[in-house]
Amino acid sequence: TLTFIILFATGSLMIPRMISEMVRQH
């Protein structure tokens, strides 16, 4: 639970969204 909170707070879980945006842009 603490690992998930830390990853969520630091934005590490945003990587899949960034990859999908890059695929959409290109």
PDB file of all heavy atoms in Angstrom:
ATOM      1  N   THR A   1       0.827  -1.203   0.000  1.00  0.00           N
ATOM      2  CA  THR A   1       0.000   0.000   0.000  1.00  0.00           C
ATOM      3  C   THR A   1       0.864   1.256   0.000  1.00  0.00           C
ATOM      4  O   THR A   1       0.603   2.197  -0.757  1.00  0.00           O
ATOM      5  CB  THR A   1      -0.945   0.003   1.222  1.00  0.00           C
ATOM      6  OG1 THR A   1      -1.744  -1.184   1.186  1.00  0.00           O
ATOM      7  CG2 THR A   1      -1.838   1.220   1.220  1.00  0.00           C
ATOM      8  N   LEU A   2       1.901   1.282   0.844  1.00  0.00           N
ATOM      9  CA  LEU A   2       2.807   2.438   0.870  1.00  0.00           C
ATOM     10  C   LEU A   2       3.551   2.588  -0.452  1.00  0.00           C
ATOM     11  O   LEU A   2       3.743   3.711  -0.937  1.00  0.00           O
ATOM     12  CB  LEU A   2       3.796   2.308   2.020  1.00  0.00           C
ATOM     13  CG  LEU A   2       3.218   2.545   3.419  1.00  0.00           C
ATOM     14  CD1 LEU A   2       4.273   2.246   4.479  1.00  0.00           C
ATOM     15  CD2 LEU A   2       2.718   3.964   3.547  1.00  0.00           C
ATOM     16  N   THR A   3       3.955   1.480  -1.067  1.00  0.00           N
ATOM     17  CA  THR A   3       4.629   1.544  -2.362  1.00  0.00           C
ATOM     18  C   THR A   3       3.707   2.138  -3.419  1.00  0.00           C
ATOM     19  O   THR A   3       4.120   2.992  -4.215  1.00  0.00           O
ATOM     20  CB  THR A   3       5.094   0.141  -2.792  1.00  0.00           C
ATOM     21  OG1 THR A   3       5.969  -0.373  -1.791  1.00  0.00           O
ATOM     22  CG2 THR A   3       5.806   0.186  -4.127  1.00  0.00           C
ATOM     23  N   PHE A   4       2.455   1.707  -3.428  1.00  0.00           N
ATOM     24  CA  PHE A   4       1.497   2.248  -4.388  1.00  0.00           C
ATOM     25  C   PHE A   4       1.278   3.737  -4.161  1.00  0.00           C
ATOM     26  O   PHE A   4       1.235   4.516  -5.114  1.00  0.00           O
ATOM     27  CB  PHE A   4       0.165   1.498  -4.278  1.00  0.00           C
ATOM     28  CG  PHE A   4      -0.868   2.004  -5.216  1.00  0.00           C
ATOM     29  CD1 PHE A   4      -0.813   1.689  -6.563  1.00  0.00           C
ATOM     30  CD2 PHE A   4      -1.894   2.823  -4.777  1.00  0.00           C
ATOM     31  CE1 PHE A   4      -1.760   2.164  -7.448  1.00  0.00           C
ATOM     32  CE2 PHE A   4      -2.851   3.307  -5.636  1.00  0.00           C
ATOM     33  CZ  PHE A   4      -2.787   2.979  -6.985  1.00  0.00           C
ATOM     34  N   ILE A   5       1.170   4.168  -2.905  1.00  0.00           N
ATOM     35  CA  ILE A   5       0.968   5.591  -2.601  1.00  0.00           C
ATOM     36  C   ILE A   5       2.187   6.404  -3.058  1.00  0.00           C
ATOM     37  O   ILE A   5       2.042   7.475  -3.649  1.00  0.00           O
ATOM     38  CB  ILE A   5       0.688   5.793  -1.096  1.00  0.00           C
ATOM     39  CG1 ILE A   5      -0.702   5.248  -0.755  1.00  0.00           C
ATOM     40  CG2 ILE A   5       0.795   7.260  -0.701  1.00  0.00           C
ATOM     41  CD1 ILE A   5      -0.994   5.194   0.732  1.00  0.00           C
ATOM     42  N   ILE A   6       3.378   5.888  -2.802  1.00  0.00           N
ATOM     43  CA  ILE A   6       4.596   6.605  -3.211  1.00  0.00           C
ATOM     44  C   ILE A   6       4.678   6.695  -4.726  1.00  0.00           C
ATOM     45  O   ILE A   6       4.990   7.750  -5.288  1.00  0.00           O
ATOM     46  CB  ILE A   6       5.849   5.924  -2.612  1.00  0.00           C
ATOM     47  CG1 ILE A   6       5.883   6.146  -1.103  1.00  0.00           C
ATOM     48  CG2 ILE A   6       7.119   6.437  -3.264  1.00  0.00           C
ATOM     49  CD1 ILE A   6       6.912   5.320  -0.367  1.00  0.00           C
ATOM     50  N   LEU A   7       4.397   5.586  -5.411  1.00  0.00           N
ATOM     51  CA  LEU A   7       4.434   5.609  -6.882  1.00  0.00           C
ATOM     52  C   LEU A   7       3.377   6.548  -7.446  1.00  0.00           C
ATOM     53  O   LEU A   7       3.615   7.263  -8.422  1.00  0.00           O
ATOM     54  CB  LEU A   7       4.238   4.197  -7.437  1.00  0.00           C
ATOM     55  CG  LEU A   7       5.397   3.234  -7.252  1.00  0.00           C
ATOM     56  CD1 LEU A   7       5.017   1.849  -7.750  1.00  0.00           C
ATOM     57  CD2 LEU A   7       6.643   3.742  -7.945  1.00  0.00           C
ATOM     58  N   PHE A   8       2.228   6.568  -6.847  1.00  0.00           N
ATOM     59  CA  PHE A   8       1.162   7.463  -7.311  1.00  0.00           C
ATOM     60  C   PHE A   8       1.530   8.924  -7.067  1.00  0.00           C
ATOM     61  O   PHE A   8       1.292   9.788  -7.905  1.00  0.00           O
ATOM     62  CB  PHE A   8      -0.143   7.114  -6.609  1.00  0.00           C
ATOM     63  CG  PHE A   8      -1.317   7.868  -7.130  1.00  0.00           C
ATOM     64  CD1 PHE A   8      -1.869   7.558  -8.364  1.00  0.00           C
ATOM     65  CD2 PHE A   8      -1.879   8.896  -6.385  1.00  0.00           C
ATOM     66  CE1 PHE A   8      -2.954   8.253  -8.851  1.00  0.00           C
ATOM     67  CE2 PHE A   8      -2.952   9.612  -6.858  1.00  0.00           C
ATOM     68  CZ  PHE A   8      -3.503   9.285  -8.104  1.00  0.00           C
ATOM     69  N   ALA A   9       2.132   9.194  -5.877  1.00  0.00           N
ATOM     70  CA  ALA A   9       2.485  10.577  -5.537  1.00  0.00           C
ATOM     71  C   ALA A   9       3.626  11.098  -6.400  1.00  0.00           C
ATOM     72  O   ALA A   9       3.659  12.288  -6.746  1.00  0.00           O
ATOM     73  CB  ALA A   9       2.867  10.660  -4.067  1.00  0.00           C
ATOM     74  N   THR A  10       4.558  10.239  -6.773  1.00  0.00           N
ATOM     75  CA  THR A  10       5.686  10.703  -7.574  1.00  0.00           C
ATOM     76  C   THR A  10       5.374  10.720  -9.067  1.00  0.00           C
ATOM     77  O   THR A  10       6.181  11.203  -9.855  1.00  0.00           O
ATOM     78  CB  THR A  10       6.927   9.821  -7.331  1.00  0.00           C
ATOM     79  OG1 THR A  10       6.608   8.473  -7.692  1.00  0.00           O
ATOM     80  CG2 THR A  10       7.389   9.903  -5.897  1.00  0.00           C
ATOM     81  N   GLY A  11       4.261  10.192  -9.457  1.00  0.00           N
ATOM     82  CA  GLY A  11       3.878  10.221 -10.860  1.00  0.00           C
ATOM     83  C   GLY A  11       4.403   9.061 -11.672  1.00  0.00           C
ATOM     84  O   GLY A  11       4.309   9.070 -12.899  1.00  0.00           O
ATOM     85  N   SER A  12       4.963   8.079 -11.043  1.00  0.00           N
ATOM     86  CA  SER A  12       5.496   6.937 -11.786  1.00  0.00           C
ATOM     87  C   SER A  12       4.399   6.141 -12.472  1.00  0.00           C
ATOM     88  O   SER A  12       4.660   5.443 -13.441  1.00  0.00           O
ATOM     89  CB  SER A  12       6.265   6.013 -10.839  1.00  0.00           C
ATOM     90  OG  SER A  12       7.359   6.707 -10.299  1.00  0.00           O
ATOM     91  N   LEU A  13       3.190   6.256 -11.976  1.00  0.00           N
ATOM     92  CA  LEU A  13       2.090   5.524 -12.592  1.00  0.00           C
ATOM     93  C   LEU A  13       1.538   6.254 -13.815  1.00  0.00           C
ATOM     94  O   LEU A  13       0.635   5.764 -14.469  1.00  0.00           O
ATOM     95  CB  LEU A  13       0.971   5.284 -11.573  1.00  0.00           C
ATOM     96  CG  LEU A  13       1.359   4.397 -10.391  1.00  0.00           C
ATOM     97  CD1 LEU A  13       0.189   4.242  -9.442  1.00  0.00           C
ATOM     98  CD2 LEU A  13       1.810   3.041 -10.878  1.00  0.00           C
ATOM     99  N   MET A  14       2.087   7.417 -14.116  1.00  0.00           N
ATOM    100  CA  MET A  14       1.648   8.177 -15.288  1.00  0.00           C
ATOM    101  C   MET A  14       2.345   7.699 -16.554  1.00  0.00           C
ATOM    102  O   MET A  14       2.010   8.137 -17.646  1.00  0.00           O
ATOM    103  CB  MET A  14       1.913   9.671 -15.081  1.00  0.00           C
ATOM    104  CG  MET A  14       1.249  10.223 -13.840  1.00  0.00           C
ATOM    105  SD  MET A  14      -0.500  10.006 -13.908  1.00  0.00           S
ATOM    106  CE  MET A  14      -1.001  11.665 -14.132  1.00  0.00           C
ATOM    107  N   ILE A  15       3.318   6.829 -16.458  1.00  0.00           N
ATOM    108  CA  ILE A  15       4.083   6.367 -17.621  1.00  0.00           C
ATOM    109  C   ILE A  15       3.182   5.726 -18.682  1.00  0.00           C
ATOM    110  O   ILE A  15       3.319   6.048 -19.869  1.00  0.00           O
ATOM    111  CB  ILE A  15       5.223   5.431 -17.172  1.00  0.00           C
ATOM    112  CG1 ILE A  15       6.250   6.236 -16.381  1.00  0.00           C
ATOM    113  CG2 ILE A  15       5.872   4.744 -18.360  1.00  0.00           C
ATOM    114  CD1 ILE A  15       7.315   5.394 -15.731  1.00  0.00           C
ATOM    115  N   PRO A  16       2.256   4.825 -18.341  1.00  0.00           N
ATOM    116  CA  PRO A  16       1.399   4.262 -19.392  1.00  0.00           C
ATOM    117  C   PRO A  16       0.582   5.322 -20.127  1.00  0.00           C
ATOM    118  O   PRO A  16       0.389   5.240 -21.345  1.00  0.00           O
ATOM    119  CB  PRO A  16       0.480   3.295 -18.640  1.00  0.00           C
ATOM    120  CG  PRO A  16       1.225   2.946 -17.417  1.00  0.00           C
ATOM    121  CD  PRO A  16       2.030   4.148 -17.068  1.00  0.00           C
ATOM    122  N   ARG A  17       0.121   6.349 -19.398  1.00  0.00           N
ATOM    123  CA  ARG A  17      -0.643   7.408 -20.060  1.00  0.00           C
ATOM    124  C   ARG A  17       0.256   8.195 -21.005  1.00  0.00           C
ATOM    125  O   ARG A  17      -0.150   8.558 -22.107  1.00  0.00           O
ATOM    126  CB  ARG A  17      -1.261   8.342 -19.038  1.00  0.00           C
ATOM    127  CG  ARG A  17      -2.227   9.303 -19.731  1.00  0.00           C
ATOM    128  CD  ARG A  17      -2.778  10.420 -18.938  1.00  0.00           C
ATOM    129  NE  ARG A  17      -3.085  10.187 -17.552  1.00  0.00           N
ATOM    130  CZ  ARG A  17      -3.460  11.168 -16.746  1.00  0.00           C
ATOM    131  NH1 ARG A  17      -3.563  12.395 -17.195  1.00  0.00           N
ATOM    132  NH2 ARG A  17      -3.717  10.922 -15.489  1.00  0.00           N
ATOM    133  N   MET A  18       1.494   8.455 -20.596  1.00  0.00           N
ATOM    134  CA  MET A  18       2.420   9.184 -21.460  1.00  0.00           C
ATOM    135  C   MET A  18       2.740   8.375 -22.713  1.00  0.00           C
ATOM    136  O   MET A  18       2.830   8.927 -23.809  1.00  0.00           O
ATOM    137  CB  MET A  18       3.701   9.517 -20.682  1.00  0.00           C
ATOM    138  CG  MET A  18       3.475  10.538 -19.590  1.00  0.00           C
ATOM    139  SD  MET A  18       4.882  10.993 -18.520  1.00  0.00           S
ATOM    140  CE  MET A  18       6.256  10.155 -19.125  1.00  0.00           C
ATOM    141  N   ILE A  19       2.889   7.076 -22.590  1.00  0.00           N
ATOM    142  CA  ILE A  19       3.166   6.234 -23.751  1.00  0.00           C
ATOM    143  C   ILE A  19       1.986   6.251 -24.709  1.00  0.00           C
ATOM    144  O   ILE A  19       2.157   6.371 -25.926  1.00  0.00           O
ATOM    145  CB  ILE A  19       3.507   4.797 -23.302  1.00  0.00           C
ATOM    146  CG1 ILE A  19       4.847   4.787 -22.583  1.00  0.00           C
ATOM    147  CG2 ILE A  19       3.513   3.839 -24.485  1.00  0.00           C
ATOM    148  CD1 ILE A  19       5.206   3.460 -21.951  1.00  0.00           C
ATOM    149  N   SER A  20       0.773   6.161 -24.167  1.00  0.00           N
ATOM    150  CA  SER A  20      -0.403   6.181 -25.048  1.00  0.00           C
ATOM    151  C   SER A  20      -0.540   7.534 -25.740  1.00  0.00           C
ATOM    152  O   SER A  20      -0.956   7.609 -26.902  1.00  0.00           O
ATOM    153  CB  SER A  20      -1.672   5.834 -24.272  1.00  0.00           C
ATOM    154  OG  SER A  20      -1.947   6.831 -23.313  1.00  0.00           O
ATOM    155  N   GLU A  21      -0.182   8.641 -25.086  1.00  0.00           N
ATOM    156  CA  GLU A  21      -0.217   9.961 -25.723  1.00  0.00           C
ATOM    157  C   GLU A  21       0.818  10.061 -26.838  1.00  0.00           C
ATOM    158  O   GLU A  21       0.542  10.621 -27.912  1.00  0.00           O
ATOM    159  CB  GLU A  21       0.026  11.058 -24.694  1.00  0.00           C
ATOM    160  CG  GLU A  21      -1.181  11.399 -23.860  1.00  0.00           C
ATOM    161  CD  GLU A  21      -0.895  12.550 -22.915  1.00  0.00           C
ATOM    162  OE1 GLU A  21      -0.095  13.444 -23.260  1.00  0.00           O
ATOM    163  OE2 GLU A  21      -1.476  12.538 -21.819  1.00  0.00           O
ATOM    164  N   MET A  22       2.010   9.526 -26.635  1.00  0.00           N
ATOM    165  CA  MET A  22       3.046   9.547 -27.664  1.00  0.00           C
ATOM    166  C   MET A  22       2.612   8.744 -28.874  1.00  0.00           C
ATOM    167  O   MET A  22       2.833   9.158 -30.021  1.00  0.00           O
ATOM    168  CB  MET A  22       4.365   9.006 -27.099  1.00  0.00           C
ATOM    169  CG  MET A  22       5.035   9.955 -26.126  1.00  0.00           C
ATOM    170  SD  MET A  22       6.471   9.277 -25.266  1.00  0.00           S
ATOM    171  CE  MET A  22       7.425   8.562 -26.550  1.00  0.00           C
ATOM    172  N   VAL A  23       1.962   7.600 -28.643  1.00  0.00           N
ATOM    173  CA  VAL A  23       1.488   6.776 -29.749  1.00  0.00           C
ATOM    174  C   VAL A  23       0.412   7.518 -30.516  1.00  0.00           C
ATOM    175  O   VAL A  23       0.391   7.517 -31.742  1.00  0.00           O
ATOM    176  CB  VAL A  23       0.990   5.414 -29.223  1.00  0.00           C
ATOM    177  CG1 VAL A  23       0.229   4.646 -30.306  1.00  0.00           C
ATOM    178  CG2 VAL A  23       2.146   4.591 -28.697  1.00  0.00           C
ATOM    179  N   ARG A  24      -0.479   8.203 -29.814  1.00  0.00           N
ATOM    180  CA  ARG A  24      -1.547   8.964 -30.463  1.00  0.00           C
ATOM    181  C   ARG A  24      -0.984  10.134 -31.275  1.00  0.00           C
ATOM    182  O   ARG A  24      -1.435  10.407 -32.368  1.00  0.00           O
ATOM    183  CB  ARG A  24      -2.521   9.498 -29.408  1.00  0.00           C
ATOM    184  CG  ARG A  24      -3.945   9.183 -29.745  1.00  0.00           C
ATOM    185  CD  ARG A  24      -4.936   9.666 -28.716  1.00  0.00           C
ATOM    186  NE  ARG A  24      -4.407   9.789 -27.366  1.00  0.00           N
ATOM    187  CZ  ARG A  24      -4.693  10.802 -26.549  1.00  0.00           C
ATOM    188  NH1 ARG A  24      -5.506  11.743 -26.936  1.00  0.00           N
ATOM    189  NH2 ARG A  24      -4.187  10.853 -25.353  1.00  0.00           N
ATOM    190  N   GLN A  25       0.021  10.816 -30.752  1.00  0.00           N
ATOM    191  CA  GLN A  25       0.602  11.974 -31.442  1.00  0.00           C
ATOM    192  C   GLN A  25       1.343  11.570 -32.716  1.00  0.00           C
ATOM    193  O   GLN A  25       1.368  12.297 -33.696  1.00  0.00           O
ATOM    194  CB  GLN A  25       1.555  12.728 -30.516  1.00  0.00           C
ATOM    195  CG  GLN A  25       0.847  13.509 -29.446  1.00  0.00           C
ATOM    196  CD  GLN A  25       1.847  14.172 -28.496  1.00  0.00           C
ATOM    197  OE1 GLN A  25       3.048  13.974 -28.606  1.00  0.00           O
ATOM    198  NE2 GLN A  25       1.328  14.952 -27.552  1.00  0.00           N
ATOM    199  N   HIS A  26       1.951  10.419 -32.691  1.00  0.00           N
ATOM    200  CA  HIS A  26       2.759  10.004 -33.839  1.00  0.00           C
ATOM    201  C   HIS A  26       1.977   9.117 -34.804  1.00  0.00           C
ATOM    202  O   HIS A  26       2.573   8.448 -35.651  1.00  0.00           O
ATOM    203  CB  HIS A  26       4.024   9.266 -33.360  1.00  0.00           C
ATOM    204  CG  HIS A  26       4.939  10.187 -32.600  1.00  0.00           C
ATOM    205  ND1 HIS A  26       5.593  11.245 -33.188  1.00  0.00           N
ATOM    206  CD2 HIS A  26       5.296  10.206 -31.291  1.00  0.00           C
ATOM    207  CE1 HIS A  26       6.323  11.870 -32.273  1.00  0.00           C
ATOM    208  NE2 HIS A  26       6.165  11.265 -31.112  1.00  0.00           N
TER     209      HIS A  26
END
